[in-house]
C-alpha atoms as a PDB file:
ATOM      1  CA  MET A   1     110.734  58.271 118.002  1.00  0.00           C
ATOM      2  CA  SER A   2     111.089  61.839 116.715  1.00  0.00           C
ATOM      3  CA  THR A   3     108.156  63.923 115.519  1.00  0.00           C
ATOM      4  CA  LEU A   4     107.571  64.457 111.799  1.00  0.00           C
ATOM      5  CA  LEU A   5     106.447  67.906 110.649  1.00  0.00           C
ATOM      6  CA  SER A   6     104.872  68.290 107.201  1.00  0.00           C
ATOM      7  CA  ILE A   7     105.005  71.789 105.699  1.00  0.00           C
ATOM      8  CA  ILE A   8     102.463  72.109 102.859  1.00  0.00           C
ATOM      9  CA  VAL A   9     103.219  74.776 100.242  1.00  0.00           C
ATOM     10  CA  PRO A  10     100.589  75.263  97.503  1.00  0.00           C
ATOM     11  CA  ALA A  11     102.058  77.203  94.588  1.00  0.00           C
ATOM     12  CA  TYR A  12     100.834  78.640  91.307  1.00  0.00           C
ATOM     13  CA  ASN A  13     103.346  80.483  89.089  1.00  0.00           C
ATOM     14  CA  GLU A  14     105.797  81.170  91.911  1.00  0.00           C
ATOM     15  CA  GLU A  15     109.113  80.532  90.139  1.00  0.00           C
ATOM     16  CA  GLU A  16     110.470  83.957  91.118  1.00  0.00           C
ATOM     17  CA  VAL A  17     110.241  83.337  94.863  1.00  0.00           C
ATOM     18  CA  LEU A  18     110.249  79.566  95.329  1.00  0.00           C
ATOM     19  CA  GLU A  19     114.000  79.067  95.777  1.00  0.00           C
ATOM     20  CA  GLU A  20     114.284  81.841  98.375  1.00  0.00           C
ATOM     21  CA  PHE A  21     111.256  80.436 100.163  1.00  0.00           C
ATOM     22  CA  HIS A  22     112.879  77.002 100.267  1.00  0.00           C
ATOM     23  CA  ARG A  23     116.171  78.399 101.563  1.00  0.00           C
ATOM     24  CA  ARG A  24     114.409  80.049 104.520  1.00  0.00           C
ATOM     25  CA  THR A  25     112.144  77.079 105.176  1.00  0.00           C
ATOM     26  CA  ALA A  26     115.054  74.639 105.060  1.00  0.00           C
ATOM     27  CA  ALA A  27     116.839  76.765 107.679  1.00  0.00           C
ATOM     28  CA  VAL A  28     113.770  76.496 109.911  1.00  0.00           C
ATOM     29  CA  ALA A  29     113.707  72.718 109.383  1.00  0.00           C
ATOM     30  CA  GLU A  30     117.363  72.444 110.439  1.00  0.00           C
ATOM     31  CA  GLN A  31     116.665  74.544 113.530  1.00  0.00           C
ATOM     32  CA  LEU A  32     113.741  72.322 114.530  1.00  0.00           C
ATOM     33  CA  GLN A  33     115.836  69.200 113.970  1.00  0.00           C
ATOM     34  CA  ALA A  34     118.630  70.521 116.186  1.00  0.00           C
ATOM     35  CA  ASN A  35     116.561  72.047 118.992  1.00  0.00           C
ATOM     36  CA  GLU A  36     113.277  70.098 119.014  1.00  0.00           C
ATOM     37  CA  ASP A  37     114.205  66.705 117.509  1.00  0.00           C
ATOM     38  CA  ILE A  38     111.593  67.284 114.804  1.00  0.00           C
ATOM     39  CA  ARG A  39     112.129  65.862 111.310  1.00  0.00           C
ATOM     40  CA  THR A  40     110.586  67.823 108.438  1.00  0.00           C
ATOM     41  CA  GLU A  41     108.861  67.021 105.174  1.00  0.00           C
ATOM     42  CA  ILE A  42     108.374  70.028 102.872  1.00  0.00           C
ATOM     43  CA  LEU A  43     105.464  69.174 100.589  1.00  0.00           C
ATOM     44  CA  TYR A  44     105.114  71.409  97.528  1.00  0.00           C
ATOM     45  CA  VAL A  45     101.850  71.282  95.577  1.00  0.00           C
ATOM     46  CA  ASN A  46     102.022  72.613  92.025  1.00  0.00           C
ATOM     47  CA  ASP A  47      98.553  73.832  91.096  1.00  0.00           C
ATOM     48  CA  GLY A  48      98.921  73.722  87.309  1.00  0.00           C
ATOM     49  CA  SER A  49     101.571  76.446  87.058  1.00  0.00           C
ATOM     50  CA  LYS A  50     102.356  77.770  83.579  1.00  0.00           C
ATOM     51  CA  ASP A  51     105.918  78.868  84.385  1.00  0.00           C
ATOM     52  CA  GLY A  52     108.925  76.950  85.724  1.00  0.00           C
ATOM     53  CA  THR A  53     107.504  76.364  89.196  1.00  0.00           C
ATOM     54  CA  TYR A  54     107.252  72.591  88.917  1.00  0.00           C
ATOM     55  CA  ALA A  55     110.719  72.279  87.367  1.00  0.00           C
ATOM     56  CA  ILE A  56     112.121  74.035  90.441  1.00  0.00           C
ATOM     57  CA  MET A  57     110.143  71.688  92.704  1.00  0.00           C
ATOM     58  CA  GLN A  58     111.601  68.663  90.893  1.00  0.00           C
ATOM     59  CA  ARG A  59     115.116  70.006  91.328  1.00  0.00           C
ATOM     60  CA  LEU A  60     114.515  70.647  95.024  1.00  0.00           C
ATOM     61  CA  CYS A  61     113.353  67.018  95.377  1.00  0.00           C
ATOM     62  CA  GLU A  62     116.706  65.870  93.989  1.00  0.00           C
ATOM     63  CA  GLU A  63     118.757  68.252  96.132  1.00  0.00           C
ATOM     64  CA  ASP A  64     116.899  67.939  99.456  1.00  0.00           C
ATOM     65  CA  GLU A  65     115.693  64.605 100.837  1.00  0.00           C
ATOM     66  CA  ARG A  66     113.065  66.432 102.908  1.00  0.00           C
ATOM     67  CA  VAL A  67     111.159  67.670  99.844  1.00  0.00           C
ATOM     68  CA  SER A  68     108.023  66.057  98.423  1.00  0.00           C
ATOM     69  CA  ALA A  69     106.257  67.384  95.345  1.00  0.00           C
ATOM     70  CA  ILE A  70     102.732  66.899  94.007  1.00  0.00           C
ATOM     71  CA  ASN A  71     101.934  67.992  90.470  1.00  0.00           C
ATOM     72  CA  LEU A  72      98.189  68.392  89.920  1.00  0.00           C
ATOM     73  CA  SER A  73      96.835  67.523  86.479  1.00  0.00           C
ATOM     74  CA  ARG A  74      95.654  71.119  85.950  1.00  0.00           C
ATOM     75  CA  ASN A  75      94.903  74.298  87.880  1.00  0.00           C
ATOM     76  CA  PHE A  76      92.158  73.388  90.371  1.00  0.00           C
ATOM     77  CA  GLY A  77      92.487  76.458  92.619  1.00  0.00           C
ATOM     78  CA  LYS A  78      94.182  77.068  95.938  1.00  0.00           C
ATOM     79  CA  GLU A  79      91.582  75.336  98.110  1.00  0.00           C
ATOM     80  CA  PRO A  80      91.786  71.962  96.280  1.00  0.00           C
ATOM     81  CA  ALA A  81      95.590  72.326  96.140  1.00  0.00           C
ATOM     82  CA  MET A  82      95.697  72.717  99.917  1.00  0.00           C
ATOM     83  CA  THR A  83      93.394  69.708 100.227  1.00  0.00           C
ATOM     84  CA  ALA A  84      95.797  67.641  98.114  1.00  0.00           C
ATOM     85  CA  GLY A  85      98.578  68.647 100.491  1.00  0.00           C
ATOM     86  CA  PHE A  86      96.595  67.637 103.574  1.00  0.00           C
ATOM     87  CA  ASP A  87      95.665  64.314 101.946  1.00  0.00           C
ATOM     88  CA  HIS A  88      99.320  63.451 101.303  1.00  0.00           C
ATOM     89  CA  ALA A  89     100.954  64.930 104.424  1.00  0.00           C
ATOM     90  CA  LYS A  90     102.378  62.212 106.675  1.00  0.00           C
ATOM     91  CA  GLY A  91     103.404  64.432 109.577  1.00  0.00           C
ATOM     92  CA  ASP A  92     102.418  64.216 113.225  1.00  0.00           C
ATOM     93  CA  ILE A  93     101.936  67.970 112.891  1.00  0.00           C
ATOM     94  CA  VAL A  94     101.182  69.852 109.677  1.00  0.00           C
ATOM     95  CA  VAL A  95     101.788  73.475 108.663  1.00  0.00           C
ATOM     96  CA  ILE A  96     100.138  75.173 105.677  1.00  0.00           C
ATOM     97  CA  ILE A  97     101.934  78.246 104.276  1.00  0.00           C
ATOM     98  CA  ASP A  98     102.020  80.177 100.985  1.00  0.00           C
ATOM     99  CA  ALA A  99     105.209  80.373  98.923  1.00  0.00           C
ATOM    100  CA  ASP A 100     105.177  84.161  98.425  1.00  0.00           C
ATOM    101  CA  LEU A 101     106.981  84.880 101.747  1.00  0.00           C
ATOM    102  CA  GLN A 102     104.273  87.218 102.990  1.00  0.00           C
ATOM    103  CA  ASP A 103     104.015  84.717 105.837  1.00  0.00           C
ATOM    104  CA  GLN A 104     107.406  84.180 107.436  1.00  0.00           C
ATOM    105  CA  PRO A 105     108.534  80.520 107.674  1.00  0.00           C
ATOM    106  CA  GLU A 106     110.469  81.444 110.830  1.00  0.00           C
ATOM    107  CA  LEU A 107     107.158  81.705 112.713  1.00  0.00           C
ATOM    108  CA  ILE A 108     106.799  77.936 112.464  1.00  0.00           C
ATOM    109  CA  VAL A 109     109.213  77.630 115.405  1.00  0.00           C
ATOM    110  CA  ASP A 110     106.813  79.619 117.617  1.00  0.00           C
ATOM    111  CA  MET A 111     103.870  77.568 116.345  1.00  0.00           C
ATOM    112  CA  VAL A 112     105.609  74.360 117.405  1.00  0.00           C
ATOM    113  CA  LYS A 113     106.152  75.794 120.892  1.00  0.00           C
ATOM    114  CA  HIS A 114     102.409  76.499 121.226  1.00  0.00           C
ATOM    115  CA  TRP A 115     101.630  73.007 119.923  1.00  0.00           C
ATOM    116  CA  ARG A 116     103.777  71.566 122.708  1.00  0.00           C
ATOM    117  CA  GLU A 117     101.636  73.571 125.138  1.00  0.00           C
ATOM    118  CA  GLY A 118      98.635  71.455 124.075  1.00  0.00           C
ATOM    119  CA  TYR A 119      97.048  73.402 121.202  1.00  0.00           C
ATOM    120  CA  ASP A 120      95.833  71.438 118.181  1.00  0.00           C
ATOM    121  CA  VAL A 121      95.633  74.489 115.924  1.00  0.00           C
ATOM    122  CA  VAL A 122      97.934  77.521 116.013  1.00  0.00           C
ATOM    123  CA  TYR A 123      96.820  80.120 113.442  1.00  0.00           C
ATOM    124  CA  ALA A 124      98.734  83.227 112.391  1.00  0.00           C
ATOM    125  CA  GLN A 125      96.688  86.392 112.915  1.00  0.00           C
ATOM    126  CA  ARG A 126      97.727  89.509 111.029  1.00  0.00           C
ATOM    127  CA  ALA A 127      98.365  92.681 113.018  1.00  0.00           C
ATOM    128  CA  GLU A 128      99.669  94.564 109.954  1.00  0.00           C
ATOM    129  CA  ARG A 129      99.582  93.791 106.213  1.00  0.00           C
ATOM    130  CA  ASP A 130     102.380  95.313 104.116  1.00  0.00           C
ATOM    131  CA  GLY A 131     102.228  95.655 100.341  1.00  0.00           C
ATOM    132  CA  GLU A 132      98.425  95.828 100.101  1.00  0.00           C
ATOM    133  CA  THR A 133      96.196  98.731  99.126  1.00  0.00           C
ATOM    134  CA  PHE A 134      93.979 100.530 101.614  1.00  0.00           C
ATOM    135  CA  PHE A 135      90.895  99.279  99.761  1.00  0.00           C
ATOM    136  CA  LYS A 136      92.000  95.641  99.954  1.00  0.00           C
ATOM    137  CA  LYS A 137      92.800  95.928 103.656  1.00  0.00           C
ATOM    138  CA  ALA A 138      89.465  97.637 104.365  1.00  0.00           C
ATOM    139  CA  THR A 139      87.364  95.132 102.416  1.00  0.00           C
ATOM    140  CA  ALA A 140      89.190  92.201 104.039  1.00  0.00           C
ATOM    141  CA  SER A 141      88.505  93.688 107.465  1.00  0.00           C
ATOM    142  CA  TRP A 142      84.811  94.200 106.643  1.00  0.00           C
ATOM    143  CA  PHE A 143      84.485  90.674 105.288  1.00  0.00           C
ATOM    144  CA  TYR A 144      85.906  89.005 108.392  1.00  0.00           C
ATOM    145  CA  ARG A 145      83.718  91.079 110.686  1.00  0.00           C
ATOM    146  CA  ILE A 146      80.578  90.441 108.643  1.00  0.00           C
ATOM    147  CA  ILE A 147      81.119  86.690 108.443  1.00  0.00           C
ATOM    148  CA  GLN A 148      81.836  86.564 112.177  1.00  0.00           C
ATOM    149  CA  ARG A 149      78.411  88.040 112.835  1.00  0.00           C
ATOM    150  CA  ILE A 150      76.382  85.897 110.454  1.00  0.00           C
ATOM    151  CA  SER A 151      78.243  82.570 110.435  1.00  0.00           C
ATOM    152  CA  ARG A 152      77.281  79.598 112.579  1.00  0.00           C
ATOM    153  CA  VAL A 153      81.016  78.925 113.079  1.00  0.00           C
ATOM    154  CA  GLU A 154      83.325  81.461 114.724  1.00  0.00           C
ATOM    155  CA  ILE A 155      85.955  82.272 112.095  1.00  0.00           C
ATOM    156  CA  PRO A 156      88.927  84.250 113.514  1.00  0.00           C
ATOM    157  CA  LYS A 157      89.284  87.725 112.036  1.00  0.00           C
ATOM    158  CA  ASP A 158      92.371  88.847 110.082  1.00  0.00           C
ATOM    159  CA  THR A 159      93.504  85.248 109.699  1.00  0.00           C
ATOM    160  CA  GLY A 160      94.654  83.545 106.515  1.00  0.00           C
ATOM    161  CA  ASP A 161      95.577  79.949 105.777  1.00  0.00           C
ATOM    162  CA  PHE A 162      98.972  80.021 107.522  1.00  0.00           C
ATOM    163  CA  ARG A 163      98.665  77.738 110.541  1.00  0.00           C
ATOM    164  CA  LEU A 164      99.865  74.591 112.324  1.00  0.00           C
ATOM    165  CA  MET A 165      97.514  71.663 112.914  1.00  0.00           C
ATOM    166  CA  SER A 166      97.889  68.485 114.935  1.00  0.00           C
ATOM    167  CA  ARG A 167      97.406  65.077 113.352  1.00  0.00           C
ATOM    168  CA  ARG A 168      93.927  64.615 114.808  1.00  0.00           C
ATOM    169  CA  ALA A 169      92.856  68.056 113.532  1.00  0.00           C
ATOM    170  CA  VAL A 170      94.145  67.218 110.038  1.00  0.00           C
ATOM    171  CA  ASP A 171      92.370  63.859 110.080  1.00  0.00           C
ATOM    172  CA  ALA A 172      89.127  65.624 111.018  1.00  0.00           C
ATOM    173  CA  LEU A 173      89.653  68.186 108.246  1.00  0.00           C
ATOM    174  CA  ASN A 174      90.241  65.427 105.692  1.00  0.00           C
ATOM    175  CA  GLU A 175      86.796  64.001 106.443  1.00  0.00           C
ATOM    176  CA  LEU A 176      85.201  67.174 105.033  1.00  0.00           C
ATOM    177  CA  ARG A 177      85.046  66.552 101.275  1.00  0.00           C
ATOM    178  CA  GLU A 178      82.636  69.259 100.138  1.00  0.00           C
ATOM    179  CA  GLN A 179      83.183  70.756  96.677  1.00  0.00           C
ATOM    180  CA  HIS A 180      82.911  74.411  97.672  1.00  0.00           C
ATOM    181  CA  ARG A 181      85.829  74.652 100.068  1.00  0.00           C
ATOM    182  CA  PHE A 182      86.174  77.802 102.118  1.00  0.00           C
ATOM    183  CA  MET A 183      89.211  76.529 104.006  1.00  0.00           C
ATOM    184  CA  LYS A 184      89.276  79.243 106.672  1.00  0.00           C
ATOM    185  CA  GLY A 185      85.796  78.165 107.678  1.00  0.00           C
ATOM    186  CA  LEU A 186      86.675  74.462 107.553  1.00  0.00           C
ATOM    187  CA  PHE A 187      89.704  75.075 109.780  1.00  0.00           C
ATOM    188  CA  ALA A 188      87.415  76.678 112.347  1.00  0.00           C
ATOM    189  CA  TYR A 189      84.696  74.045 111.914  1.00  0.00           C
ATOM    190  CA  VAL A 190      86.844  71.136 113.140  1.00  0.00           C
ATOM    191  CA  GLY A 191      87.307  72.852 116.497  1.00  0.00           C
ATOM    192  CA  TYR A 192      89.855  71.523 119.043  1.00  0.00           C
ATOM    193  CA  PRO A 193      91.986  73.870 121.199  1.00  0.00           C
ATOM    194  CA  GLN A 194      93.184  76.775 119.078  1.00  0.00           C
ATOM    195  CA  LYS A 195      95.559  79.674 119.690  1.00  0.00           C
ATOM    196  CA  ALA A 196      96.324  82.848 117.713  1.00  0.00           C
ATOM    197  CA  LEU A 197      99.888  83.858 116.905  1.00  0.00           C
ATOM    198  CA  VAL A 198      99.866  87.584 116.123  1.00  0.00           C
ATOM    199  CA  TYR A 199     102.415  88.686 113.524  1.00  0.00           C
ATOM    200  CA  HIS A 200     103.306  91.399 111.006  1.00  0.00           C
ATOM    201  CA  ARG A 201     102.612  90.211 107.464  1.00  0.00           C
ATOM    202  CA  ASP A 202     105.245  91.187 104.890  1.00  0.00           C
ATOM    203  CA  ALA A 203     104.775  92.245 101.287  1.00  0.00           C
ATOM    204  CA  ARG A 204     105.319  89.669  98.549  1.00  0.00           C
ATOM    205  CA  ALA A 205     109.013  88.882  98.042  1.00  0.00           C
ATOM    206  CA  ALA A 206     108.548  88.671  94.255  1.00  0.00           C
ATOM    207  CA  GLY A 207     105.904  88.138  91.599  1.00  0.00           C
ATOM    208  CA  GLU A 208     102.303  89.283  91.617  1.00  0.00           C
ATOM    209  CA  THR A 209      99.279  88.266  93.646  1.00  0.00           C
ATOM    210  CA  LYS A 210      96.995  85.705  92.013  1.00  0.00           C
ATOM    211  CA  PHE A 211      93.891  87.196  93.672  1.00  0.00           C
ATOM    212  CA  ASN A 212      92.359  90.172  91.858  1.00  0.00           C
ATOM    213  CA  TYR A 213      89.294  91.922  93.201  1.00  0.00           C
ATOM    214  CA  TRP A 214      86.903  89.761  91.166  1.00  0.00           C
ATOM    215  CA  LYS A 215      88.424  86.579  92.607  1.00  0.00           C
ATOM    216  CA  LEU A 216      88.325  88.064  96.093  1.00  0.00           C
ATOM    217  CA  TRP A 217      84.627  88.894  95.638  1.00  0.00           C
ATOM    218  CA  ASN A 218      83.889  85.313  94.585  1.00  0.00           C
ATOM    219  CA  PHE A 219      85.998  84.062  97.493  1.00  0.00           C
ATOM    220  CA  ALA A 220      83.927  86.156  99.915  1.00  0.00           C
ATOM    221  CA  LEU A 221      80.718  84.870  98.316  1.00  0.00           C
ATOM    222  CA  GLU A 222      82.018  81.318  98.742  1.00  0.00           C
ATOM    223  CA  GLY A 223      82.688  81.906 102.413  1.00  0.00           C
ATOM    224  CA  ILE A 224      79.297  83.430 103.137  1.00  0.00           C
ATOM    225  CA  THR A 225      77.262  80.804 101.285  1.00  0.00           C
ATOM    226  CA  SER A 226      79.339  77.931 102.721  1.00  0.00           C
ATOM    227  CA  PHE A 227      78.902  78.835 106.361  1.00  0.00           C
ATOM    228  CA  THR A 228      75.626  80.678 106.732  1.00  0.00           C
ATOM    229  CA  ILE A 229      72.092  80.808 105.317  1.00  0.00           C
ATOM    230  CA  ALA A 230      71.705  84.404 106.508  1.00  0.00           C
ATOM    231  CA  PRO A 231      71.134  85.749 102.941  1.00  0.00           C
ATOM    232  CA  LEU A 232      68.138  83.415 102.585  1.00  0.00           C
ATOM    233  CA  LYS A 233      66.779  84.594 105.921  1.00  0.00           C
ATOM    234  CA  ILE A 234      67.259  88.217 104.866  1.00  0.00           C
ATOM    235  CA  ALA A 235      65.312  87.434 101.679  1.00  0.00           C
ATOM    236  CA  SER A 236      62.464  86.003 103.742  1.00  0.00           C
ATOM    237  CA  TYR A 237      62.380  88.913 106.179  1.00  0.00           C
ATOM    238  CA  LEU A 238      62.643  91.571 103.473  1.00  0.00           C
ATOM    239  CA  GLY A 239      60.031  89.840 101.327  1.00  0.00           C
ATOM    240  CA  GLY A 240      57.641  89.637 104.281  1.00  0.00           C
ATOM    241  CA  SER A 241      58.224  93.290 105.157  1.00  0.00           C
ATOM    242  CA  ILE A 242      57.597  94.458 101.594  1.00  0.00           C
ATOM    243  CA  ALA A 243      54.440  92.367 101.365  1.00  0.00           C
ATOM    244  CA  PHE A 244      53.186  93.819 104.663  1.00  0.00           C
ATOM    245  CA  PHE A 245      53.770  97.441 103.643  1.00  0.00           C
ATOM    246  CA  ALA A 246      52.333  96.755 100.161  1.00  0.00           C
ATOM    247  CA  PHE A 247      49.156  95.451 101.807  1.00  0.00           C
ATOM    248  CA  ILE A 248      48.916  98.544 104.028  1.00  0.00           C
ATOM    249  CA  TYR A 249      49.465 100.798 101.023  1.00  0.00           C
ATOM    250  CA  ALA A 250      46.790  98.901  99.043  1.00  0.00           C
ATOM    251  CA  LEU A 251      44.261  99.502 101.859  1.00  0.00           C
ATOM    252  CA  PHE A 252      45.184 103.177 101.820  1.00  0.00           C
ATOM    253  CA  VAL A 253      44.697 103.435  98.034  1.00  0.00           C
ATOM    254  CA  VAL A 254      41.313 101.692  98.189  1.00  0.00           C
ATOM    255  CA  ALA A 255      40.133 103.910 101.052  1.00  0.00           C
ATOM    256  CA  LYS A 256      41.354 107.085  99.348  1.00  0.00           C
ATOM    257  CA  THR A 257      39.641 106.137  96.075  1.00  0.00           C
ATOM    258  CA  ILE A 258      36.320 105.391  97.824  1.00  0.00           C
ATOM    259  CA  ILE A 259      36.375 108.654  99.789  1.00  0.00           C
ATOM    260  CA  TRP A 260      37.915 111.176  97.376  1.00  0.00           C
ATOM    261  CA  GLY A 261      38.013 109.366  94.055  1.00  0.00           C
ATOM    262  CA  GLU A 262      41.097 109.208  91.803  1.00  0.00           C
ATOM    263  CA  PRO A 263      41.033 111.794  88.993  1.00  0.00           C
ATOM    264  CA  VAL A 264      44.780 111.498  88.227  1.00  0.00           C
ATOM    265  CA  GLN A 265      46.259 108.221  87.043  1.00  0.00           C
ATOM    266  CA  GLY A 266      49.166 106.992  89.238  1.00  0.00           C
ATOM    267  CA  TYR A 267      51.502 105.861  86.475  1.00  0.00           C
ATOM    268  CA  PRO A 268      54.823 107.118  88.002  1.00  0.00           C
ATOM    269  CA  SER A 269      54.167 105.644  91.447  1.00  0.00           C
ATOM    270  CA  LEU A 270      52.963 102.400  89.856  1.00  0.00           C
ATOM    271  CA  MET A 271      56.159 102.051  87.808  1.00  0.00           C
ATOM    272  CA  VAL A 272      58.354 102.778  90.836  1.00  0.00           C
ATOM    273  CA  ALA A 273      56.570 100.094  92.841  1.00  0.00           C
ATOM    274  CA  ILE A 274      56.803  97.529  90.023  1.00  0.00           C
ATOM    275  CA  LEU A 275      60.482  98.192  89.355  1.00  0.00           C
ATOM    276  CA  PHE A 276      61.357  98.103  93.064  1.00  0.00           C
ATOM    277  CA  ILE A 277      59.545  94.846  93.760  1.00  0.00           C
ATOM    278  CA  GLY A 278      60.846  93.301  90.515  1.00  0.00           C
ATOM    279  CA  GLY A 279      64.432  94.270  91.392  1.00  0.00           C
ATOM    280  CA  VAL A 280      64.136  92.785  94.874  1.00  0.00           C
ATOM    281  CA  GLN A 281      62.713  89.566  93.423  1.00  0.00           C
ATOM    282  CA  LEU A 282      65.510  89.227  90.879  1.00  0.00           C
ATOM    283  CA  LEU A 283      68.129  89.888  93.576  1.00  0.00           C
ATOM    284  CA  PHE A 284      66.882  87.130  95.817  1.00  0.00           C
ATOM    285  CA  ILE A 285      66.253  84.738  92.955  1.00  0.00           C
ATOM    286  CA  GLY A 286      69.981  85.202  92.310  1.00  0.00           C
ATOM    287  CA  ILE A 287      70.761  84.361  95.945  1.00  0.00           C
ATOM    288  CA  LEU A 288      68.588  81.258  95.711  1.00  0.00           C
ATOM    289  CA  GLY A 289      70.459  80.352  92.532  1.00  0.00           C
ATOM    290  CA  GLU A 290      73.812  80.594  94.324  1.00  0.00           C
ATOM    291  CA  TYR A 291      72.715  78.114  96.962  1.00  0.00           C
ATOM    292  CA  LEU A 292      70.994  75.856  94.418  1.00  0.00           C
ATOM    293  CA  GLY A 293      74.129  75.829  92.260  1.00  0.00           C
ATOM    294  CA  ARG A 294      76.177  74.686  95.243  1.00  0.00           C
ATOM    295  CA  VAL A 295      73.720  71.878  95.938  1.00  0.00           C
ATOM    296  CA  TYR A 296      74.012  70.842  92.276  1.00  0.00           C
ATOM    297  CA  ASN A 297      77.814  70.770  92.407  1.00  0.00           C
ATOM    298  CA  GLU A 298      77.828  68.782  95.640  1.00  0.00           C
ATOM    299  CA  SER A 299      75.399  66.228  94.204  1.00  0.00           C
ATOM    300  CA  LYS A 300      77.832  65.334  91.389  1.00  0.00           C
ATOM    301  CA  GLN A 301      80.477  64.245  93.939  1.00  0.00           C
ATOM    302  CA  ARG A 302      83.382  64.801  91.575  1.00  0.00           C
ATOM    303  CA  PRO A 303      86.948  64.354  92.921  1.00  0.00           C
ATOM    304  CA  LEU A 304      88.424  67.580  94.260  1.00  0.00           C
ATOM    305  CA  TYR A 305      91.639  67.179  92.244  1.00  0.00           C
ATOM    306  CA  TYR A 306      93.728  64.771  90.186  1.00  0.00           C
ATOM    307  CA  VAL A 307      97.450  64.132  90.716  1.00  0.00           C
ATOM    308  CA  GLU A 308      99.649  63.903  87.626  1.00  0.00           C
ATOM    309  CA  GLN A 309     102.845  63.044  89.537  1.00  0.00           C
ATOM    310  CA  TYR A 310     103.856  62.578  93.189  1.00  0.00           C
ATOM    311  CA  HIS A 311     107.411  62.460  94.499  1.00  0.00           C
ATOM    312  CA  GLN A 312     107.549  61.522  98.189  1.00  0.00           C
ATOM    313  CA  ALA A 313     110.340  62.738 100.447  1.00  0.00           C
ATOM    314  CA  LYS A 314     112.677  60.225 102.079  1.00  0.00           C
ATOM    315  CA  THR A 315     111.829  61.597 105.536  1.00  0.00           C
ATOM    316  CA  ALA A 316     108.154  60.756 105.027  1.00  0.00           C
ATOM    317  CA  ARG A 317     108.980  57.300 103.615  1.00  0.00           C
ATOM    318  CA  ASN A 318     111.194  56.571 106.600  1.00  0.00           C
ATOM    319  CA  LYS A 319     108.299  57.376 108.956  1.00  0.00           C
ATOM    320  CA  GLU A 320     106.049  54.890 107.150  1.00  0.00           C
ATOM    321  CA  GLU A 321     108.710  52.183 107.422  1.00  0.00           C
END
């Protein structure tokens, strides 16, 4: 029996590039069918797009029997959209890729070759990133290196969501139902043999990125708080250090007052000390709040997404039969 490959494509307002993406991906599917005896299901996930993205997906379902389409009830975000794709993918192997063509669908052929070598996860690692500002490249590089140092899980640097996963790796991933989903960390958390595929990332083929700097900051915060408690440890260490030096300084002030007296009031130094300690306290109360908020959200156990409509490809239905 031939192998079924599911290609998951989360999309939000990608009408300008979706048809070109499908043309290139369909060519890859035909190549895999001819050379590797691999059938393909292309699973599009519409994450509440406000343009004609879902209409294009519906048309592709009618024109190509390999296409499945999931329409989420609203915009839940990329991480839940990817989760919806993994939940519905029927393939023996599964690829996750964005629709903007920054990640080349043609690399899937090389990923399949590495999978045949025995790797459960083949992730695309960026050597170069076209179409991005120096600041974005620099901050992304800093983020990956920082989280590598402080995280309990080794998260590959310069690596996005584009990757191939075996069925057992996908099944393991689907068991992780946490609300705050930093998918790059979850991919690494499941383990299994993994291999990097180094590539040159292209600029967007059309449209605009959906991640501004504010969203990227929140994304980085999500990653750090999801996979490490280092900020809480830093708060403890810094708080202990400040308390220690404050105690030493208090002994010094008492000794100086007993020996020499204190004719001049220390208002400026007192205000500096109060403002500094107050600022540090507020900062780390905020960090505690971030973690507490995540505990609160997890405790509600709300579904990660809702599906408004699901059209399953004939290739996937044939596998079930």
